């Protein structure tokens, strides 16, 4: 009797995604939005490029960040330190916080919708694992993304954040799958790749600006379907 060819179907039954830097990004940039809101509140002429640099420096200096409104206010104050008379937490921070809840402050990467549609068409469960605040769910609805996801594990709701194992395990429990059958995709080596692997997930590191993708990495979500259906290592 002729033996059947070995199945090429992967053991992956679900894919979870990071959000910021993976699916969406501030548009045109954090600095542009900060500059726009500051100008509307009496501080014209603050360069978006300067604010991008200041924001990046303030972010790097963080020791712990809980993705709460109070922590965002502290980060914004640090970004604008010396550029405005009063800290934004006492002036325009509420307007800035609200601005980032609007779909118009974000862009969905061009490869996202085609990839999500292709993956859902393969019958894979899809989920989100994100360090974010209460603005994420309505934002994703406004961006027409939430319809793709069976599960959302958001740090403000779960009470745990990446790279800790708890938020990944909560997502696995909601998907009703063992971690080894879930692939997590994200742009942060520390938060997404190492955090997911510590929880037993398989991973793909999304590096959009890399010159070339190494094993276990992606430069675009366009190749994700093919990537998970090959037989190479997933960790």
C-alpha atoms as a PDB file:
ATOM      1  CA  UNK A   1       0.000   0.000   0.000  1.00  0.00           C
ATOM      2  CA  UNK A   2       1.283   3.453  -0.884  1.00  0.00           C
ATOM      3  CA  UNK A   3       2.011   5.536   2.182  1.00  0.00           C
ATOM      4  CA  UNK A   4       0.540   8.993   2.494  1.00  0.00           C
ATOM      5  CA  UNK A   5       2.955  11.880   2.248  1.00  0.00           C
ATOM      6  CA  UNK A   6       3.765  13.496   5.578  1.00  0.00           C
ATOM      7  CA  UNK A   7       1.451  16.386   6.369  1.00  0.00           C
ATOM      8  CA  UNK A   8       2.975  19.847   5.938  1.00  0.00           C
ATOM      9  CA  UNK A   9       0.386  21.465   8.197  1.00  0.00           C
ATOM     10  CA  UNK A  10       2.029  23.371  11.053  1.00  0.00           C
ATOM     11  CA  UNK A  11       1.209  22.817  14.690  1.00  0.00           C
ATOM     12  CA  UNK A  12       0.507  26.541  15.004  1.00  0.00           C
ATOM     13  CA  UNK A  13      -3.203  27.071  15.571  1.00  0.00           C
ATOM     14  CA  UNK A  14      -3.226  30.724  16.609  1.00  0.00           C
ATOM     15  CA  UNK A  15      -1.202  33.876  16.083  1.00  0.00           C
ATOM     16  CA  UNK A  16      -1.020  36.763  18.509  1.00  0.00           C
ATOM     17  CA  UNK A  17       0.265  40.214  17.642  1.00  0.00           C
ATOM     18  CA  UNK A  18       1.764  43.155  19.411  1.00  0.00           C
ATOM     19  CA  UNK A  19       0.034  46.412  18.424  1.00  0.00           C
ATOM     20  CA  UNK A  20       2.267  49.517  18.475  1.00  0.00           C
ATOM     21  CA  UNK A  21       5.084  49.259  15.939  1.00  0.00           C
ATOM     22  CA  UNK A  22       3.663  45.971  14.657  1.00  0.00           C
ATOM     23  CA  UNK A  23       0.162  46.765  13.409  1.00  0.00           C
ATOM     24  CA  UNK A  24      -0.066  50.537  13.839  1.00  0.00           C
ATOM     25  CA  UNK A  25       2.180  53.547  14.402  1.00  0.00           C
ATOM     26  CA  UNK A  26       1.588  57.226  15.289  1.00  0.00           C
ATOM     27  CA  UNK A  27       1.079  59.307  12.141  1.00  0.00           C
ATOM     28  CA  UNK A  28       2.988  61.223  10.916  1.00  0.00           C
ATOM     29  CA  UNK A  29       4.972  60.711  14.140  1.00  0.00           C
ATOM     30  CA  UNK A  30       4.734  61.217  17.893  1.00  0.00           C
ATOM     31  CA  UNK A  31       6.597  64.500  17.487  1.00  0.00           C
ATOM     32  CA  UNK A  32       4.191  65.805  14.849  1.00  0.00           C
ATOM     33  CA  UNK A  33       1.181  65.127  17.064  1.00  0.00           C
ATOM     34  CA  UNK A  34       2.842  66.613  20.146  1.00  0.00           C
ATOM     35  CA  UNK A  35       3.772  69.713  18.133  1.00  0.00           C
ATOM     36  CA  UNK A  36       0.247  70.033  16.718  1.00  0.00           C
ATOM     37  CA  UNK A  37      -1.432  69.918  20.124  1.00  0.00           C
ATOM     38  CA  UNK A  38       1.147  72.219  21.729  1.00  0.00           C
ATOM     39  CA  UNK A  39       0.633  74.775  18.948  1.00  0.00           C
ATOM     40  CA  UNK A  40      -3.144  74.705  19.506  1.00  0.00           C
ATOM     41  CA  UNK A  41      -2.515  75.559  23.169  1.00  0.00           C
ATOM     42  CA  UNK A  42      -0.230  78.515  22.665  1.00  0.00           C
ATOM     43  CA  UNK A  43       3.167  76.944  22.051  1.00  0.00           C
ATOM     44  CA  UNK A  44       3.918  77.356  18.336  1.00  0.00           C
ATOM     45  CA  UNK A  45       7.159  76.510  16.628  1.00  0.00           C
ATOM     46  CA  UNK A  46       8.258  73.449  18.623  1.00  0.00           C
ATOM     47  CA  UNK A  47       9.882  71.208  16.058  1.00  0.00           C
ATOM     48  CA  UNK A  48       8.400  67.706  15.547  1.00  0.00           C
ATOM     49  CA  UNK A  49      11.936  66.401  15.000  1.00  0.00           C
ATOM     50  CA  UNK A  50      13.043  67.840  18.342  1.00  0.00           C
ATOM     51  CA  UNK A  51      10.022  66.367  20.085  1.00  0.00           C
ATOM     52  CA  UNK A  52      10.687  62.966  18.524  1.00  0.00           C
ATOM     53  CA  UNK A  53      14.221  63.047  19.905  1.00  0.00           C
ATOM     54  CA  UNK A  54      13.039  64.241  23.315  1.00  0.00           C
ATOM     55  CA  UNK A  55      10.326  61.578  23.469  1.00  0.00           C
ATOM     56  CA  UNK A  56      12.785  58.821  22.518  1.00  0.00           C
ATOM     57  CA  UNK A  57      15.212  59.981  25.212  1.00  0.00           C
ATOM     58  CA  UNK A  58      12.480  60.166  27.855  1.00  0.00           C
ATOM     59  CA  UNK A  59      11.269  56.689  26.876  1.00  0.00           C
ATOM     60  CA  UNK A  60      14.779  55.234  27.135  1.00  0.00           C
ATOM     61  CA  UNK A  61      15.186  56.777  30.592  1.00  0.00           C
ATOM     62  CA  UNK A  62      12.106  54.995  31.961  1.00  0.00           C
ATOM     63  CA  UNK A  63      12.673  52.400  34.647  1.00  0.00           C
ATOM     64  CA  UNK A  64       9.079  51.220  34.891  1.00  0.00           C
ATOM     65  CA  UNK A  65       6.025  52.187  32.881  1.00  0.00           C
ATOM     66  CA  UNK A  66       2.526  51.014  33.706  1.00  0.00           C
ATOM     67  CA  UNK A  67       0.658  52.455  30.714  1.00  0.00           C
ATOM     68  CA  UNK A  68      -1.635  54.473  32.951  1.00  0.00           C
ATOM     69  CA  UNK A  69      -2.812  58.013  32.322  1.00  0.00           C
ATOM     70  CA  UNK A  70      -0.587  59.235  35.154  1.00  0.00           C
ATOM     71  CA  UNK A  71       2.490  57.542  33.707  1.00  0.00           C
ATOM     72  CA  UNK A  72       1.765  58.972  30.255  1.00  0.00           C
ATOM     73  CA  UNK A  73       1.483  62.431  31.828  1.00  0.00           C
ATOM     74  CA  UNK A  74       4.900  62.012  33.408  1.00  0.00           C
ATOM     75  CA  UNK A  75       6.417  60.924  30.092  1.00  0.00           C
ATOM     76  CA  UNK A  76       4.906  63.890  28.262  1.00  0.00           C
ATOM     77  CA  UNK A  77       6.154  66.288  30.956  1.00  0.00           C
ATOM     78  CA  UNK A  78       9.660  64.866  30.557  1.00  0.00           C
ATOM     79  CA  UNK A  79       9.457  65.282  26.775  1.00  0.00           C
ATOM     80  CA  UNK A  80       8.455  68.946  27.011  1.00  0.00           C
ATOM     81  CA  UNK A  81      10.743  69.827  29.938  1.00  0.00           C
ATOM     82  CA  UNK A  82      12.261  73.277  29.307  1.00  0.00           C
ATOM     83  CA  UNK A  83      10.200  73.825  26.143  1.00  0.00           C
ATOM     84  CA  UNK A  84       7.002  75.150  27.773  1.00  0.00           C
ATOM     85  CA  UNK A  85       6.306  77.413  30.754  1.00  0.00           C
ATOM     86  CA  UNK A  86       4.096  74.957  32.621  1.00  0.00           C
ATOM     87  CA  UNK A  87       4.257  71.149  32.384  1.00  0.00           C
ATOM     88  CA  UNK A  88       1.684  69.661  29.999  1.00  0.00           C
ATOM     89  CA  UNK A  89       0.147  67.699  32.894  1.00  0.00           C
ATOM     90  CA  UNK A  90      -1.103  71.088  34.152  1.00  0.00           C
ATOM     91  CA  UNK A  91      -2.138  72.436  30.751  1.00  0.00           C
ATOM     92  CA  UNK A  92      -2.666  70.542  27.495  1.00  0.00           C
ATOM     93  CA  UNK A  93      -1.989  66.916  28.448  1.00  0.00           C
ATOM     94  CA  UNK A  94      -5.730  66.004  28.483  1.00  0.00           C
ATOM     95  CA  UNK A  95      -6.044  67.187  24.882  1.00  0.00           C
ATOM     96  CA  UNK A  96      -2.922  65.269  23.905  1.00  0.00           C
ATOM     97  CA  UNK A  97      -4.146  62.105  25.616  1.00  0.00           C
ATOM     98  CA  UNK A  98      -7.461  62.398  23.798  1.00  0.00           C
ATOM     99  CA  UNK A  99      -5.739  63.033  20.471  1.00  0.00           C
ATOM    100  CA  UNK A 100      -3.995  59.663  20.612  1.00  0.00           C
ATOM    101  CA  UNK A 101      -7.361  57.964  21.081  1.00  0.00           C
ATOM    102  CA  UNK A 102      -8.400  59.146  17.603  1.00  0.00           C
ATOM    103  CA  UNK A 103      -7.880  56.938  14.541  1.00  0.00           C
ATOM    104  CA  UNK A 104      -6.511  59.939  12.643  1.00  0.00           C
ATOM    105  CA  UNK A 105      -3.447  59.990  14.897  1.00  0.00           C
ATOM    106  CA  UNK A 106      -2.435  56.520  13.704  1.00  0.00           C
ATOM    107  CA  UNK A 107      -1.628  54.660  10.515  1.00  0.00           C
ATOM    108  CA  UNK A 108      -2.206  50.984   9.888  1.00  0.00           C
ATOM    109  CA  UNK A 109       0.835  49.524   8.120  1.00  0.00           C
ATOM    110  CA  UNK A 110       0.079  48.569   4.518  1.00  0.00           C
ATOM    111  CA  UNK A 111       0.840  44.890   5.061  1.00  0.00           C
ATOM    112  CA  UNK A 112      -1.494  44.454   8.050  1.00  0.00           C
ATOM    113  CA  UNK A 113      -4.981  44.055   6.574  1.00  0.00           C
ATOM    114  CA  UNK A 114      -3.914  41.658   3.787  1.00  0.00           C
ATOM    115  CA  UNK A 115      -1.990  39.539   6.294  1.00  0.00           C
ATOM    116  CA  UNK A 116      -4.845  39.382   8.784  1.00  0.00           C
ATOM    117  CA  UNK A 117      -7.320  38.455   6.079  1.00  0.00           C
ATOM    118  CA  UNK A 118      -5.028  35.725   4.740  1.00  0.00           C
ATOM    119  CA  UNK A 119      -4.410  34.257   8.192  1.00  0.00           C
ATOM    120  CA  UNK A 120      -8.081  34.297   9.126  1.00  0.00           C
ATOM    121  CA  UNK A 121      -8.804  32.619   5.793  1.00  0.00           C
ATOM    122  CA  UNK A 122      -6.528  29.758   6.832  1.00  0.00           C
ATOM    123  CA  UNK A 123      -8.694  29.166   9.869  1.00  0.00           C
ATOM    124  CA  UNK A 124      -6.138  30.392  12.388  1.00  0.00           C
ATOM    125  CA  UNK A 125      -7.307  32.083  15.563  1.00  0.00           C
ATOM    126  CA  UNK A 126      -5.951  35.613  15.947  1.00  0.00           C
ATOM    127  CA  UNK A 127      -5.249  37.577  19.091  1.00  0.00           C
ATOM    128  CA  UNK A 128      -3.576  40.686  20.470  1.00  0.00           C
ATOM    129  CA  UNK A 129      -1.149  40.949  23.369  1.00  0.00           C
ATOM    130  CA  UNK A 130      -0.419  44.583  24.077  1.00  0.00           C
ATOM    131  CA  UNK A 131       0.905  46.907  26.755  1.00  0.00           C
ATOM    132  CA  UNK A 132      -1.719  49.651  26.407  1.00  0.00           C
ATOM    133  CA  UNK A 133      -4.383  51.588  28.254  1.00  0.00           C
ATOM    134  CA  UNK A 134      -8.153  51.927  28.077  1.00  0.00           C
ATOM    135  CA  UNK A 135      -7.977  53.711  24.713  1.00  0.00           C
ATOM    136  CA  UNK A 136      -6.940  50.624  22.739  1.00  0.00           C
ATOM    137  CA  UNK A 137     -10.257  48.833  22.166  1.00  0.00           C
ATOM    138  CA  UNK A 138     -12.141  51.889  20.822  1.00  0.00           C
ATOM    139  CA  UNK A 139      -9.086  52.868  18.781  1.00  0.00           C
ATOM    140  CA  UNK A 140      -8.941  49.453  17.109  1.00  0.00           C
ATOM    141  CA  UNK A 141     -12.658  49.635  16.359  1.00  0.00           C
ATOM    142  CA  UNK A 142     -12.121  53.037  14.768  1.00  0.00           C
ATOM    143  CA  UNK A 143      -9.262  51.640  12.674  1.00  0.00           C
ATOM    144  CA  UNK A 144     -11.449  48.680  11.573  1.00  0.00           C
ATOM    145  CA  UNK A 145      -9.007  46.172  13.095  1.00  0.00           C
ATOM    146  CA  UNK A 146     -10.839  44.706  16.075  1.00  0.00           C
ATOM    147  CA  UNK A 147     -13.061  42.520  13.869  1.00  0.00           C
ATOM    148  CA  UNK A 148     -10.105  40.263  13.077  1.00  0.00           C
ATOM    149  CA  UNK A 149      -9.276  39.260  16.638  1.00  0.00           C
ATOM    150  CA  UNK A 150     -10.794  36.506  18.731  1.00  0.00           C
ATOM    151  CA  UNK A 151      -8.918  37.549  21.863  1.00  0.00           C
ATOM    152  CA  UNK A 152      -7.335  40.730  23.218  1.00  0.00           C
ATOM    153  CA  UNK A 153      -5.012  40.602  26.217  1.00  0.00           C
ATOM    154  CA  UNK A 154      -4.382  44.260  27.138  1.00  0.00           C
ATOM    155  CA  UNK A 155      -2.140  45.118  30.072  1.00  0.00           C
ATOM    156  CA  UNK A 156      -4.558  47.616  31.658  1.00  0.00           C
ATOM    157  CA  UNK A 157      -7.279  44.954  31.727  1.00  0.00           C
ATOM    158  CA  UNK A 158      -5.160  41.923  32.580  1.00  0.00           C
ATOM    159  CA  UNK A 159      -3.212  43.647  35.342  1.00  0.00           C
ATOM    160  CA  UNK A 160       0.068  42.366  33.878  1.00  0.00           C
ATOM    161  CA  UNK A 161       2.370  43.577  31.135  1.00  0.00           C
ATOM    162  CA  UNK A 162       4.927  42.239  28.684  1.00  0.00           C
ATOM    163  CA  UNK A 163       7.526  40.843  28.974  1.00  0.00           C
ATOM    164  CA  UNK A 164       6.026  39.082  31.989  1.00  0.00           C
ATOM    165  CA  UNK A 165       4.636  35.617  31.407  1.00  0.00           C
ATOM    166  CA  UNK A 166       1.232  36.325  32.937  1.00  0.00           C
ATOM    167  CA  UNK A 167      -0.170  38.362  30.040  1.00  0.00           C
ATOM    168  CA  UNK A 168       0.915  35.745  27.499  1.00  0.00           C
ATOM    169  CA  UNK A 169      -0.566  32.947  29.565  1.00  0.00           C
ATOM    170  CA  UNK A 170      -3.826  34.864  29.891  1.00  0.00           C
ATOM    171  CA  UNK A 171      -3.999  35.109  26.107  1.00  0.00           C
ATOM    172  CA  UNK A 172      -3.313  31.367  25.742  1.00  0.00           C
ATOM    173  CA  UNK A 173      -6.057  30.575  28.237  1.00  0.00           C
ATOM    174  CA  UNK A 174      -8.533  32.757  26.357  1.00  0.00           C
ATOM    175  CA  UNK A 175      -7.564  31.094  23.080  1.00  0.00           C
ATOM    176  CA  UNK A 176      -7.946  27.698  24.804  1.00  0.00           C
ATOM    177  CA  UNK A 177      -4.675  26.513  23.336  1.00  0.00           C
ATOM    178  CA  UNK A 178      -1.346  25.391  24.774  1.00  0.00           C
ATOM    179  CA  UNK A 179       1.390  28.040  24.355  1.00  0.00           C
ATOM    180  CA  UNK A 180       3.419  25.854  21.977  1.00  0.00           C
ATOM    181  CA  UNK A 181       0.570  26.041  19.450  1.00  0.00           C
ATOM    182  CA  UNK A 182       0.601  29.851  19.458  1.00  0.00           C
ATOM    183  CA  UNK A 183       2.937  32.095  17.467  1.00  0.00           C
ATOM    184  CA  UNK A 184       3.517  35.629  18.747  1.00  0.00           C
ATOM    185  CA  UNK A 185       4.617  38.392  16.358  1.00  0.00           C
ATOM    186  CA  UNK A 186       6.042  41.690  17.563  1.00  0.00           C
ATOM    187  CA  UNK A 187       8.666  44.338  16.917  1.00  0.00           C
ATOM    188  CA  UNK A 188      10.392  44.304  20.329  1.00  0.00           C
ATOM    189  CA  UNK A 189      13.077  41.736  21.084  1.00  0.00           C
ATOM    190  CA  UNK A 190      12.752  42.204  24.841  1.00  0.00           C
ATOM    191  CA  UNK A 191       9.002  42.577  25.174  1.00  0.00           C
ATOM    192  CA  UNK A 192       7.713  40.351  22.392  1.00  0.00           C
ATOM    193  CA  UNK A 193      10.289  37.746  21.446  1.00  0.00           C
ATOM    194  CA  UNK A 194      11.892  37.000  24.789  1.00  0.00           C
ATOM    195  CA  UNK A 195       8.687  37.537  26.748  1.00  0.00           C
ATOM    196  CA  UNK A 196       6.689  35.202  24.513  1.00  0.00           C
ATOM    197  CA  UNK A 197       9.380  32.539  24.432  1.00  0.00           C
ATOM    198  CA  UNK A 198       9.593  32.549  28.233  1.00  0.00           C
ATOM    199  CA  UNK A 199       5.858  31.810  28.269  1.00  0.00           C
ATOM    200  CA  UNK A 200       6.309  28.893  25.848  1.00  0.00           C
ATOM    201  CA  UNK A 201       5.080  30.628  22.689  1.00  0.00           C
ATOM    202  CA  UNK A 202       6.705  30.385  19.290  1.00  0.00           C
ATOM    203  CA  UNK A 203       7.825  33.716  17.899  1.00  0.00           C
ATOM    204  CA  UNK A 204       8.574  35.868  14.897  1.00  0.00           C
ATOM    205  CA  UNK A 205      10.490  39.097  15.397  1.00  0.00           C
ATOM    206  CA  UNK A 206       9.196  41.800  13.050  1.00  0.00           C
ATOM    207  CA  UNK A 207      12.042  44.081  11.979  1.00  0.00           C
ATOM    208  CA  UNK A 208      10.597  46.418   9.371  1.00  0.00           C
ATOM    209  CA  UNK A 209      13.790  48.429   8.869  1.00  0.00           C
ATOM    210  CA  UNK A 210      16.223  45.522   8.791  1.00  0.00           C
ATOM    211  CA  UNK A 211      18.264  45.050   5.630  1.00  0.00           C
ATOM    212  CA  UNK A 212      17.565  41.330   5.634  1.00  0.00           C
ATOM    213  CA  UNK A 213      15.520  38.929   7.728  1.00  0.00           C
ATOM    214  CA  UNK A 214      17.333  36.161   9.556  1.00  0.00           C
ATOM    215  CA  UNK A 215      15.687  32.900  10.661  1.00  0.00           C
ATOM    216  CA  UNK A 216      12.883  33.694  13.064  1.00  0.00           C
ATOM    217  CA  UNK A 217      12.582  37.258  11.767  1.00  0.00           C
ATOM    218  CA  UNK A 218      10.303  39.087   9.347  1.00  0.00           C
ATOM    219  CA  UNK A 219      10.702  42.368   7.506  1.00  0.00           C
ATOM    220  CA  UNK A 220       7.009  42.493   6.666  1.00  0.00           C
ATOM    221  CA  UNK A 221       3.802  40.721   7.613  1.00  0.00           C
ATOM    222  CA  UNK A 222       3.342  39.931   3.928  1.00  0.00           C
ATOM    223  CA  UNK A 223       5.427  36.790   4.269  1.00  0.00           C
ATOM    224  CA  UNK A 224       3.929  35.624   7.544  1.00  0.00           C
ATOM    225  CA  UNK A 225       1.631  32.966   6.100  1.00  0.00           C
ATOM    226  CA  UNK A 226       4.456  31.370   4.124  1.00  0.00           C
ATOM    227  CA  UNK A 227       6.773  31.738   7.100  1.00  0.00           C
ATOM    228  CA  UNK A 228       4.652  29.713   9.485  1.00  0.00           C
ATOM    229  CA  UNK A 229       3.959  27.008   6.944  1.00  0.00           C
ATOM    230  CA  UNK A 230       7.608  26.215   6.339  1.00  0.00           C
ATOM    231  CA  UNK A 231       9.266  23.569   8.424  1.00  0.00           C
ATOM    232  CA  UNK A 232      12.089  25.677   9.837  1.00  0.00           C
ATOM    233  CA  UNK A 233      12.556  26.490  13.508  1.00  0.00           C
ATOM    234  CA  UNK A 234       9.968  28.748  15.086  1.00  0.00           C
ATOM    235  CA  UNK A 235      11.781  29.824  18.212  1.00  0.00           C
END
